[in-house]
Amino acid sequence: MPVDIREIQIIAAVQDGGANKPSSGGSGASASKGGNDDLIAKCVEQVLEILKEQKER
């Protein structure tokens, strides 16, 4: 008998270890933005793969 999941909740806790903290106030925003762009790109790629798999079914 198959299981039908209608709703899923995902909770994540992200902690910054402090190793990448900038020494000056202005330069940190651009460095952090680059890391976020990589993360967003990976997430979008995974979502597109999931949608592609669902469409093939």
N, C-alpha and C. Protein backbone atom coordinates (compact mmCIF):
# COMPACT_ATOMS: atom_id res chain seq x y z
N MET A 1 0.84 -1.17 0.00
CA MET A 1 0.00 0.00 0.00
C MET A 1 0.89 1.24 0.00
N PRO A 2 0.76 2.11 -0.99
CA PRO A 2 1.61 3.29 -1.07
C PRO A 2 1.24 4.34 -0.01
N VAL A 3 2.23 5.11 0.37
CA VAL A 3 2.03 6.18 1.34
C VAL A 3 1.97 7.50 0.58
N ASP A 4 0.93 8.29 0.86
CA ASP A 4 0.75 9.58 0.20
C ASP A 4 1.07 10.68 1.20
N ILE A 5 2.12 11.46 0.95
CA ILE A 5 2.51 12.56 1.82
C ILE A 5 1.96 13.84 1.21
N ARG A 6 1.06 14.48 1.93
CA ARG A 6 0.42 15.69 1.41
C ARG A 6 1.10 16.96 1.90
N GLU A 7 1.80 16.89 2.99
CA GLU A 7 2.45 18.08 3.52
C GLU A 7 3.72 17.67 4.24
N ILE A 8 4.77 18.45 4.08
CA ILE A 8 6.02 18.19 4.76
C ILE A 8 6.55 19.51 5.29
N GLN A 9 7.06 19.48 6.49
CA GLN A 9 7.66 20.66 7.09
C GLN A 9 9.14 20.40 7.27
N ILE A 10 9.95 21.33 6.81
CA ILE A 10 11.39 21.21 6.94
C ILE A 10 11.89 22.37 7.79
N ILE A 11 12.57 22.04 8.86
CA ILE A 11 13.10 23.06 9.76
C ILE A 11 14.62 22.90 9.79
N ALA A 12 15.33 24.01 9.61
CA ALA A 12 16.78 23.96 9.61
C ALA A 12 17.33 25.05 10.52
N ALA A 13 18.43 24.76 11.17
CA ALA A 13 19.12 25.74 11.99
C ALA A 13 20.52 25.93 11.42
N VAL A 14 20.83 27.15 11.05
CA VAL A 14 22.12 27.45 10.46
C VAL A 14 22.93 28.28 11.45
N GLN A 15 24.14 27.85 11.72
CA GLN A 15 24.99 28.58 12.65
C GLN A 15 26.26 28.98 11.93
N ASP A 16 26.66 30.22 12.14
CA ASP A 16 27.89 30.71 11.56
C ASP A 16 29.00 30.51 12.58
N GLY A 17 30.03 29.80 12.20
CA GLY A 17 31.13 29.51 13.11
C GLY A 17 31.99 30.71 13.43
N GLY A 18 31.86 31.78 12.66
CA GLY A 18 32.64 32.97 12.92
C GLY A 18 33.96 33.00 12.17
N ALA A 19 34.29 31.95 11.46
CA ALA A 19 35.57 31.91 10.75
C ALA A 19 35.59 32.85 9.56
N ASN A 20 34.44 33.13 8.97
CA ASN A 20 34.39 33.97 7.78
C ASN A 20 33.93 35.39 8.06
N LYS A 21 33.96 35.82 9.31
CA LYS A 21 33.53 37.17 9.64
C LYS A 21 34.54 38.18 9.13
N PRO A 22 34.08 39.26 8.51
CA PRO A 22 34.99 40.27 7.98
C PRO A 22 35.57 41.12 9.11
N SER A 23 36.77 41.63 8.89
CA SER A 23 37.39 42.49 9.89
C SER A 23 36.88 43.92 9.79
N SER A 24 36.44 44.35 8.60
CA SER A 24 35.87 45.67 8.44
C SER A 24 34.40 45.54 8.07
N GLY A 25 33.60 46.56 8.36
CA GLY A 25 32.15 46.47 8.19
C GLY A 25 31.68 46.38 6.76
N GLY A 26 32.29 47.06 5.80
CA GLY A 26 31.76 47.15 4.45
C GLY A 26 32.04 45.96 3.56
N SER A 27 33.13 45.27 3.74
CA SER A 27 33.51 44.21 2.79
C SER A 27 32.76 42.90 3.02
N GLY A 28 32.11 42.73 4.14
CA GLY A 28 31.44 41.48 4.45
C GLY A 28 30.20 41.23 3.63
N ALA A 29 29.49 42.25 3.24
CA ALA A 29 28.23 42.07 2.52
C ALA A 29 28.45 41.43 1.16
N SER A 30 29.47 41.82 0.44
CA SER A 30 29.70 41.26 -0.89
C SER A 30 30.21 39.82 -0.81
N ALA A 31 31.02 39.50 0.19
CA ALA A 31 31.53 38.14 0.33
C ALA A 31 30.40 37.19 0.71
N SER A 32 29.53 37.63 1.59
CA SER A 32 28.40 36.80 2.00
C SER A 32 27.43 36.61 0.85
N LYS A 33 27.25 37.62 0.03
CA LYS A 33 26.33 37.55 -1.11
C LYS A 33 26.78 36.48 -2.09
N GLY A 34 28.09 36.36 -2.33
CA GLY A 34 28.60 35.34 -3.25
C GLY A 34 28.29 33.94 -2.76
N GLY A 35 28.40 33.70 -1.47
CA GLY A 35 28.07 32.40 -0.89
C GLY A 35 26.59 32.10 -1.02
N ASN A 36 25.76 33.13 -0.83
CA ASN A 36 24.31 32.94 -0.97
C ASN A 36 23.94 32.63 -2.41
N ASP A 37 24.61 33.27 -3.37
CA ASP A 37 24.32 33.00 -4.77
C ASP A 37 24.61 31.55 -5.13
N ASP A 38 25.71 31.01 -4.62
CA ASP A 38 26.04 29.60 -4.87
C ASP A 38 24.97 28.68 -4.27
N LEU A 39 24.56 28.99 -3.05
CA LEU A 39 23.55 28.17 -2.38
C LEU A 39 22.23 28.22 -3.13
N ILE A 40 21.83 29.40 -3.55
CA ILE A 40 20.58 29.55 -4.30
C ILE A 40 20.65 28.80 -5.62
N ALA A 41 21.78 28.89 -6.31
CA ALA A 41 21.94 28.19 -7.58
C ALA A 41 21.82 26.68 -7.40
N LYS A 42 22.42 26.15 -6.35
CA LYS A 42 22.34 24.71 -6.09
C LYS A 42 20.91 24.29 -5.77
N CYS A 43 20.21 25.11 -4.98
CA CYS A 43 18.82 24.80 -4.63
C CYS A 43 17.93 24.81 -5.86
N VAL A 44 18.10 25.81 -6.71
CA VAL A 44 17.30 25.89 -7.94
C VAL A 44 17.58 24.69 -8.83
N GLU A 45 18.83 24.30 -8.92
CA GLU A 45 19.19 23.14 -9.75
C GLU A 45 18.52 21.87 -9.23
N GLN A 46 18.51 21.68 -7.91
CA GLN A 46 17.88 20.50 -7.34
C GLN A 46 16.37 20.51 -7.55
N VAL A 47 15.75 21.67 -7.40
CA VAL A 47 14.30 21.77 -7.61
C VAL A 47 13.95 21.45 -9.05
N LEU A 48 14.73 21.97 -9.99
CA LEU A 48 14.47 21.69 -11.40
C LEU A 48 14.63 20.20 -11.71
N GLU A 49 15.60 19.55 -11.08
CA GLU A 49 15.77 18.10 -11.27
C GLU A 49 14.55 17.34 -10.75
N ILE A 50 14.05 17.73 -9.59
CA ILE A 50 12.87 17.07 -9.01
C ILE A 50 11.66 17.27 -9.91
N LEU A 51 11.47 18.49 -10.40
CA LEU A 51 10.33 18.75 -11.30
C LEU A 51 10.45 17.95 -12.59
N LYS A 52 11.67 17.82 -13.10
CA LYS A 52 11.91 17.05 -14.32
C LYS A 52 11.54 15.58 -14.09
N GLU A 53 11.96 15.03 -12.94
CA GLU A 53 11.65 13.63 -12.61
C GLU A 53 10.15 13.43 -12.47
N GLN A 54 9.46 14.38 -11.85
CA GLN A 54 8.01 14.24 -11.68
C GLN A 54 7.29 14.33 -13.02
N LYS A 55 7.80 15.15 -13.91
CA LYS A 55 7.17 15.29 -15.23
C LYS A 55 7.33 14.02 -16.06
N GLU A 56 8.44 13.31 -15.87
CA GLU A 56 8.70 12.08 -16.63
C GLU A 56 7.79 10.94 -16.21
N ARG A 57 7.27 10.98 -15.02
CA ARG A 57 6.43 9.90 -14.51
C ARG A 57 5.10 9.82 -15.18
